[in-house]
Amino acid sequence: MQTDKVIALICALRDALSARNQLEVVKLTVSRLSALTLDGRATEPLRAPPPHFESELALAISHIPDSLNAVAEALSQARPYLDWRADIGGDDSYYEKGSDVGLSFREGNLVCSLVGPANSFVFSEDLFLSLFFLKSRTLYRDHVHQASEMYFNLSGPCGFRLGDQDWVDYAGDSVIWNPPLAPHATRVYETPFLSAVSWVSDLDSVCRVVHRDDWQMIEDQL
């Protein structure tokens, strides 16, 4: 059944995170996943990725490192049943209305909500867990939100700019914590970006873009 495949993916992510729980945000994510009754529901209607995403999504999955083989296998099995949505700045956007998120992000992002309070496969009032995908050569511009956030990067390398620090590249099978209201950005190189993202607080918060003068230069370089 399709429900079983998606639940198996959630469990695979939980188990992988359980072995990578040095950060408090990871411990909270695992604890809240473990407390859930994972019976799920079939999302209706199922929305496959737009056709122009298919090859890049497959490429991202192929770059999941061997250390995450169980996650890669579960993701491959669940892939036909995942409900992907693009954030294009509409009423259901994660961003404040009118935010300048950039063309490359609007045309290059997909989100699949696995656990959360609304439009998710499994309901939870205190955890949001999603798969987050960005096409290759995409800049996810600097932004902040009240929510405490974890990125469990499944593919890589990808670049992160955290606060006022310079860009740092992270491989697949890396974990990043964004504290509440800490600016952060992501840039994607040749390999498309795929990450499991969790919010463990302020699930109703929205993202606010934090302007940086180098956006156009980075987007031109990518």
C-alpha atoms as a PDB file:
ATOM      1  CA  MET A   1       0.000   0.000   0.000  1.00  0.00           C
ATOM      2  CA  GLN A   2       1.161   3.554  -0.697  1.00  0.00           C
ATOM      3  CA  THR A   3       0.693   4.497   2.975  1.00  0.00           C
ATOM      4  CA  ASP A   4       3.159   1.815   4.058  1.00  0.00           C
ATOM      5  CA  LYS A   5       5.845   3.115   1.699  1.00  0.00           C
ATOM      6  CA  VAL A   6       5.636   6.686   2.975  1.00  0.00           C
ATOM      7  CA  ILE A   7       5.553   5.553   6.611  1.00  0.00           C
ATOM      8  CA  ALA A   8       8.651   3.428   5.922  1.00  0.00           C
ATOM      9  CA  LEU A   9      10.398   6.534   4.588  1.00  0.00           C
ATOM     10  CA  ILE A  10       9.503   8.538   7.718  1.00  0.00           C
ATOM     11  CA  CYS A  11      10.815   5.685   9.880  1.00  0.00           C
ATOM     12  CA  ALA A  12      14.037   5.483   7.855  1.00  0.00           C
ATOM     13  CA  LEU A  13      14.623   9.206   8.377  1.00  0.00           C
ATOM     14  CA  ARG A  14      13.868   8.859  12.102  1.00  0.00           C
ATOM     15  CA  ASP A  15      16.280   5.941  12.452  1.00  0.00           C
ATOM     16  CA  ALA A  16      19.045   7.753  10.567  1.00  0.00           C
ATOM     17  CA  LEU A  17      18.605  10.847  12.702  1.00  0.00           C
ATOM     18  CA  SER A  18      18.690   8.729  15.866  1.00  0.00           C
ATOM     19  CA  ALA A  19      22.307   7.909  15.035  1.00  0.00           C
ATOM     20  CA  ARG A  20      23.122  11.588  14.417  1.00  0.00           C
ATOM     21  CA  ASN A  21      21.597  13.196  17.484  1.00  0.00           C
ATOM     22  CA  GLN A  22      24.411  15.389  18.776  1.00  0.00           C
ATOM     23  CA  LEU A  23      22.283  18.522  18.295  1.00  0.00           C
ATOM     24  CA  GLU A  24      19.296  19.284  20.501  1.00  0.00           C
ATOM     25  CA  VAL A  25      17.121  20.049  17.462  1.00  0.00           C
ATOM     26  CA  VAL A  26      17.824  16.519  16.162  1.00  0.00           C
ATOM     27  CA  LYS A  27      16.946  14.982  19.532  1.00  0.00           C
ATOM     28  CA  LEU A  28      13.665  16.910  19.550  1.00  0.00           C
ATOM     29  CA  THR A  29      12.868  15.823  15.999  1.00  0.00           C
ATOM     30  CA  VAL A  30      13.524  12.151  16.813  1.00  0.00           C
ATOM     31  CA  SER A  31      11.575  12.342  20.078  1.00  0.00           C
ATOM     32  CA  ARG A  32       8.528  13.831  18.414  1.00  0.00           C
ATOM     33  CA  LEU A  33       8.679  11.405  15.511  1.00  0.00           C
ATOM     34  CA  SER A  34       8.901   8.500  17.970  1.00  0.00           C
ATOM     35  CA  ALA A  35       5.821   9.749  19.832  1.00  0.00           C
ATOM     36  CA  LEU A  36       3.638   9.764  16.705  1.00  0.00           C
ATOM     37  CA  THR A  37       1.163   7.104  15.714  1.00  0.00           C
ATOM     38  CA  LEU A  38       2.457   6.498  12.222  1.00  0.00           C
ATOM     39  CA  ASP A  39      -0.654   5.312  10.467  1.00  0.00           C
ATOM     40  CA  GLY A  40      -0.695   8.171   7.975  1.00  0.00           C
ATOM     41  CA  ARG A  41      -3.221   8.805   5.290  1.00  0.00           C
ATOM     42  CA  ALA A  42      -3.240   8.761   1.519  1.00  0.00           C
ATOM     43  CA  THR A  43      -2.831  12.318   0.250  1.00  0.00           C
ATOM     44  CA  GLU A  44      -5.513  13.100  -2.313  1.00  0.00           C
ATOM     45  CA  PRO A  45      -4.831  13.979  -4.985  1.00  0.00           C
ATOM     46  CA  LEU A  46      -1.272  12.740  -5.273  1.00  0.00           C
ATOM     47  CA  ARG A  47       0.819  15.267  -7.133  1.00  0.00           C
ATOM     48  CA  ALA A  48       3.939  13.954  -8.811  1.00  0.00           C
ATOM     49  CA  PRO A  49       6.748  16.447  -9.460  1.00  0.00           C
ATOM     50  CA  PRO A  50       6.307  18.519 -12.632  1.00  0.00           C
ATOM     51  CA  PRO A  51       7.923  16.677 -15.551  1.00  0.00           C
ATOM     52  CA  HIS A  52      10.903  19.042 -15.741  1.00  0.00           C
ATOM     53  CA  PHE A  53      11.828  18.089 -12.157  1.00  0.00           C
ATOM     54  CA  GLU A  54      11.821  14.323 -12.634  1.00  0.00           C
ATOM     55  CA  SER A  55      15.365  13.873 -13.931  1.00  0.00           C
ATOM     56  CA  GLU A  56      16.881  16.247 -11.353  1.00  0.00           C
ATOM     57  CA  LEU A  57      15.029  14.578  -8.497  1.00  0.00           C
ATOM     58  CA  ALA A  58      16.334  11.204  -9.678  1.00  0.00           C
ATOM     59  CA  LEU A  59      19.841  12.691  -9.870  1.00  0.00           C
ATOM     60  CA  ALA A  60      19.594  13.967  -6.288  1.00  0.00           C
ATOM     61  CA  ILE A  61      18.508  10.528  -5.051  1.00  0.00           C
ATOM     62  CA  SER A  62      21.400   8.907  -6.921  1.00  0.00           C
ATOM     63  CA  HIS A  63      23.818  11.155  -4.992  1.00  0.00           C
ATOM     64  CA  ILE A  64      22.604  10.083  -1.545  1.00  0.00           C
ATOM     65  CA  PRO A  65      25.775   8.625   0.051  1.00  0.00           C
ATOM     66  CA  ASP A  66      26.171   4.973   0.988  1.00  0.00           C
ATOM     67  CA  SER A  67      25.921   5.867   4.679  1.00  0.00           C
ATOM     68  CA  LEU A  68      22.242   6.643   4.018  1.00  0.00           C
ATOM     69  CA  ASN A  69      21.427   3.567   1.928  1.00  0.00           C
ATOM     70  CA  ALA A  70      18.348   2.750   4.037  1.00  0.00           C
ATOM     71  CA  VAL A  71      16.971   6.260   3.482  1.00  0.00           C
ATOM     72  CA  ALA A  72      17.742   6.135  -0.252  1.00  0.00           C
ATOM     73  CA  GLU A  73      15.974   2.770  -0.609  1.00  0.00           C
ATOM     74  CA  ALA A  74      12.934   3.927   1.358  1.00  0.00           C
ATOM     75  CA  LEU A  75      12.799   7.131  -0.691  1.00  0.00           C
ATOM     76  CA  SER A  76      12.959   5.224  -3.961  1.00  0.00           C
ATOM     77  CA  GLN A  77      10.095   2.958  -2.804  1.00  0.00           C
ATOM     78  CA  ALA A  78       7.959   5.883  -1.594  1.00  0.00           C
ATOM     79  CA  ARG A  79       8.716   8.209  -4.483  1.00  0.00           C
ATOM     80  CA  PRO A  80       5.581   7.442  -6.562  1.00  0.00           C
ATOM     81  CA  TYR A  81       3.368   8.321  -3.573  1.00  0.00           C
ATOM     82  CA  LEU A  82       4.923  11.595  -2.431  1.00  0.00           C
ATOM     83  CA  ASP A  83       2.936  14.810  -2.697  1.00  0.00           C
ATOM     84  CA  TRP A  84       5.161  17.602  -3.993  1.00  0.00           C
ATOM     85  CA  ARG A  85       4.253  21.286  -3.960  1.00  0.00           C
ATOM     86  CA  ALA A  86       6.184  24.270  -5.287  1.00  0.00           C
ATOM     87  CA  ASP A  87       6.340  27.505  -3.318  1.00  0.00           C
ATOM     88  CA  ILE A  88       5.687  30.122  -5.995  1.00  0.00           C
ATOM     89  CA  GLY A  89       4.632  32.957  -3.714  1.00  0.00           C
ATOM     90  CA  GLY A  90       0.890  32.260  -3.575  1.00  0.00           C
ATOM     91  CA  ASP A  91      -1.459  32.314  -0.600  1.00  0.00           C
ATOM     92  CA  ASP A  92       0.064  29.084   0.753  1.00  0.00           C
ATOM     93  CA  SER A  93       3.658  30.388   0.553  1.00  0.00           C
ATOM     94  CA  TYR A  94       6.024  29.972   3.485  1.00  0.00           C
ATOM     95  CA  TYR A  95       7.077  33.592   2.901  1.00  0.00           C
ATOM     96  CA  GLU A  96       5.621  36.966   3.762  1.00  0.00           C
ATOM     97  CA  LYS A  97       3.470  38.266   0.923  1.00  0.00           C
ATOM     98  CA  GLY A  98       5.528  40.084  -1.684  1.00  0.00           C
ATOM     99  CA  SER A  99       8.849  38.621  -0.588  1.00  0.00           C
ATOM    100  CA  ASP A 100      11.660  38.847  -3.174  1.00  0.00           C
ATOM    101  CA  VAL A 101      12.657  35.177  -3.164  1.00  0.00           C
ATOM    102  CA  GLY A 102      14.168  35.349  -6.656  1.00  0.00           C
ATOM    103  CA  LEU A 103      13.297  33.677  -9.940  1.00  0.00           C
ATOM    104  CA  SER A 104      15.709  30.769  -9.522  1.00  0.00           C
ATOM    105  CA  PHE A 105      14.042  29.746  -6.247  1.00  0.00           C
ATOM    106  CA  ARG A 106      10.480  30.152  -7.548  1.00  0.00           C
ATOM    107  CA  GLU A 107      11.279  27.983 -10.554  1.00  0.00           C
ATOM    108  CA  GLY A 108      13.505  25.505  -8.725  1.00  0.00           C
ATOM    109  CA  ASN A 109      11.889  24.435  -5.444  1.00  0.00           C
ATOM    110  CA  LEU A 110       9.638  21.574  -4.326  1.00  0.00           C
ATOM    111  CA  VAL A 111       8.393  20.655  -0.837  1.00  0.00           C
ATOM    112  CA  CYS A 112       6.852  17.356   0.281  1.00  0.00           C
ATOM    113  CA  SER A 113       5.297  17.671   3.748  1.00  0.00           C
ATOM    114  CA  LEU A 114       5.595  14.345   5.575  1.00  0.00           C
ATOM    115  CA  VAL A 115       4.599  15.389   9.125  1.00  0.00           C
ATOM    116  CA  GLY A 116       2.880  18.559  10.258  1.00  0.00           C
ATOM    117  CA  PRO A 117      -0.254  20.354  11.407  1.00  0.00           C
ATOM    118  CA  ALA A 118      -1.731  20.820   7.913  1.00  0.00           C
ATOM    119  CA  ASN A 119      -1.442  19.359   4.399  1.00  0.00           C
ATOM    120  CA  SER A 120       0.868  16.620   5.663  1.00  0.00           C
ATOM    121  CA  PHE A 121       0.913  12.859   5.394  1.00  0.00           C
ATOM    122  CA  VAL A 122       0.993  12.399   9.188  1.00  0.00           C
ATOM    123  CA  PHE A 123      -0.606  14.906  11.555  1.00  0.00           C
ATOM    124  CA  SER A 124       1.420  16.539  14.333  1.00  0.00           C
ATOM    125  CA  GLU A 125       0.847  19.702  16.324  1.00  0.00           C
ATOM    126  CA  ASP A 126       4.470  20.116  17.413  1.00  0.00           C
ATOM    127  CA  LEU A 127       6.595  18.934  14.475  1.00  0.00           C
ATOM    128  CA  PHE A 128       6.932  19.845  10.837  1.00  0.00           C
ATOM    129  CA  LEU A 129       9.051  17.434   8.763  1.00  0.00           C
ATOM    130  CA  SER A 130       9.364  17.801   5.023  1.00  0.00           C
ATOM    131  CA  LEU A 131      11.501  16.820   2.086  1.00  0.00           C
ATOM    132  CA  PHE A 132      12.929  19.954   0.479  1.00  0.00           C
ATOM    133  CA  PHE A 133      14.269  19.885  -3.076  1.00  0.00           C
ATOM    134  CA  LEU A 134      16.111  22.538  -5.083  1.00  0.00           C
ATOM    135  CA  LYS A 135      17.170  22.200  -8.694  1.00  0.00           C
ATOM    136  CA  SER A 136      20.833  22.483  -9.575  1.00  0.00           C
ATOM    137  CA  ARG A 137      22.300  25.993  -9.769  1.00  0.00           C
ATOM    138  CA  THR A 138      19.643  27.515  -7.518  1.00  0.00           C
ATOM    139  CA  LEU A 139      20.145  30.214  -4.883  1.00  0.00           C
ATOM    140  CA  TYR A 140      17.856  29.990  -1.852  1.00  0.00           C
ATOM    141  CA  ARG A 141      18.212  33.569  -0.681  1.00  0.00           C
ATOM    142  CA  ASP A 142      19.018  34.662   2.871  1.00  0.00           C
ATOM    143  CA  HIS A 143      15.977  34.569   5.130  1.00  0.00           C
ATOM    144  CA  VAL A 144      14.919  34.215   8.768  1.00  0.00           C
ATOM    145  CA  HIS A 145      12.002  32.702  10.669  1.00  0.00           C
ATOM    146  CA  GLN A 146      11.010  32.217  14.277  1.00  0.00           C
ATOM    147  CA  ALA A 147      11.020  28.434  13.965  1.00  0.00           C
ATOM    148  CA  SER A 148      14.015  26.413  15.152  1.00  0.00           C
ATOM    149  CA  GLU A 149      15.063  24.430  12.082  1.00  0.00           C
ATOM    150  CA  MET A 150      17.130  21.391  11.166  1.00  0.00           C
ATOM    151  CA  TYR A 151      18.458  20.461   7.732  1.00  0.00           C
ATOM    152  CA  PHE A 152      19.393  16.796   7.310  1.00  0.00           C
ATOM    153  CA  ASN A 153      21.114  17.007   3.944  1.00  0.00           C
ATOM    154  CA  LEU A 154      20.678  13.886   1.850  1.00  0.00           C
ATOM    155  CA  SER A 155      22.594  15.052  -1.239  1.00  0.00           C
ATOM    156  CA  GLY A 156      25.594  17.286  -1.696  1.00  0.00           C
ATOM    157  CA  PRO A 157      27.800  19.132  -1.816  1.00  0.00           C
ATOM    158  CA  CYS A 158      25.755  22.264  -1.254  1.00  0.00           C
ATOM    159  CA  GLY A 159      26.668  25.658   0.182  1.00  0.00           C
ATOM    160  CA  PHE A 160      25.202  27.250   3.308  1.00  0.00           C
ATOM    161  CA  ARG A 161      25.657  30.801   4.557  1.00  0.00           C
ATOM    162  CA  LEU A 162      24.771  30.904   8.241  1.00  0.00           C
ATOM    163  CA  GLY A 163      24.367  34.328   9.807  1.00  0.00           C
ATOM    164  CA  ASP A 164      27.261  36.628   8.917  1.00  0.00           C
ATOM    165  CA  GLN A 165      29.669  33.761   8.269  1.00  0.00           C
ATOM    166  CA  ASP A 166      31.089  33.053   4.826  1.00  0.00           C
ATOM    167  CA  TRP A 167      29.743  30.265   2.631  1.00  0.00           C
ATOM    168  CA  VAL A 168      30.616  26.705   3.724  1.00  0.00           C
ATOM    169  CA  ASP A 169      30.051  23.566   1.641  1.00  0.00           C
ATOM    170  CA  TYR A 170      28.365  20.524   3.212  1.00  0.00           C
ATOM    171  CA  ALA A 171      28.324  16.967   1.890  1.00  0.00           C
ATOM    172  CA  GLY A 172      25.397  14.599   1.834  1.00  0.00           C
ATOM    173  CA  ASP A 173      24.744  13.097   5.292  1.00  0.00           C
ATOM    174  CA  SER A 174      25.313  16.373   7.127  1.00  0.00           C
ATOM    175  CA  VAL A 175      23.107  18.100   9.690  1.00  0.00           C
ATOM    176  CA  ILE A 176      22.690  21.865  10.091  1.00  0.00           C
ATOM    177  CA  TRP A 177      20.821  23.801  12.765  1.00  0.00           C
ATOM    178  CA  ASN A 178      19.304  27.224  12.156  1.00  0.00           C
ATOM    179  CA  PRO A 179      18.420  28.805  15.531  1.00  0.00           C
ATOM    180  CA  PRO A 180      15.314  31.020  15.693  1.00  0.00           C
ATOM    181  CA  LEU A 181      15.713  34.293  13.760  1.00  0.00           C
ATOM    182  CA  ALA A 182      19.217  33.367  12.532  1.00  0.00           C
ATOM    183  CA  PRO A 183      19.669  34.337   8.845  1.00  0.00           C
ATOM    184  CA  HIS A 184      20.633  31.542   6.477  1.00  0.00           C
ATOM    185  CA  ALA A 185      20.891  30.837   2.757  1.00  0.00           C
ATOM    186  CA  THR A 186      21.629  27.862   0.505  1.00  0.00           C
ATOM    187  CA  ARG A 187      23.286  27.654  -2.888  1.00  0.00           C
ATOM    188  CA  VAL A 188      23.084  24.556  -5.062  1.00  0.00           C
ATOM    189  CA  TYR A 189      25.827  23.519  -7.457  1.00  0.00           C
ATOM    190  CA  GLU A 190      25.779  20.789 -10.111  1.00  0.00           C
ATOM    191  CA  THR A 191      24.089  18.179  -7.907  1.00  0.00           C
ATOM    192  CA  PRO A 192      20.465  19.001  -7.058  1.00  0.00           C
ATOM    193  CA  PHE A 193      19.726  19.600  -3.382  1.00  0.00           C
ATOM    194  CA  LEU A 194      17.597  17.199  -1.326  1.00  0.00           C
ATOM    195  CA  SER A 195      17.186  17.566   2.424  1.00  0.00           C
ATOM    196  CA  ALA A 196      14.854  16.485   5.216  1.00  0.00           C
ATOM    197  CA  VAL A 197      13.894  19.658   7.061  1.00  0.00           C
ATOM    198  CA  SER A 198      12.245  19.857  10.468  1.00  0.00           C
ATOM    199  CA  TRP A 199      10.741  22.704  12.468  1.00  0.00           C
ATOM    200  CA  VAL A 200      10.370  21.983  16.176  1.00  0.00           C
ATOM    201  CA  SER A 201       8.908  25.304  17.310  1.00  0.00           C
ATOM    202  CA  ASP A 202       6.645  28.093  16.030  1.00  0.00           C
ATOM    203  CA  LEU A 203       5.207  25.964  13.252  1.00  0.00           C
ATOM    204  CA  ASP A 204       2.960  28.813  12.111  1.00  0.00           C
ATOM    205  CA  SER A 205       5.839  31.266  11.597  1.00  0.00           C
ATOM    206  CA  VAL A 206       6.558  32.669   8.147  1.00  0.00           C
ATOM    207  CA  CYS A 207       9.867  33.336   6.439  1.00  0.00           C
ATOM    208  CA  ARG A 208      11.181  36.860   5.954  1.00  0.00           C
ATOM    209  CA  VAL A 209      13.811  37.628   3.321  1.00  0.00           C
ATOM    210  CA  VAL A 210      16.970  39.337   4.598  1.00  0.00           C
ATOM    211  CA  HIS A 211      18.512  41.353   1.758  1.00  0.00           C
ATOM    212  CA  ARG A 212      22.152  40.749   0.780  1.00  0.00           C
ATOM    213  CA  ASP A 213      23.917  42.721  -1.933  1.00  0.00           C
ATOM    214  CA  ASP A 214      25.556  39.685  -3.574  1.00  0.00           C
ATOM    215  CA  TRP A 215      22.456  37.765  -4.661  1.00  0.00           C
ATOM    216  CA  GLN A 216      22.659  38.755  -8.324  1.00  0.00           C
ATOM    217  CA  MET A 217      26.367  37.974  -8.478  1.00  0.00           C
ATOM    218  CA  ILE A 218      25.840  34.505  -6.947  1.00  0.00           C
ATOM    219  CA  GLU A 219      22.910  33.729  -9.239  1.00  0.00           C
ATOM    220  CA  ASP A 220      24.992  34.789 -12.253  1.00  0.00           C
ATOM    221  CA  GLN A 221      27.870  32.560 -11.108  1.00  0.00           C
ATOM    222  CA  LEU A 222      25.595  29.564 -10.626  1.00  0.00           C
END
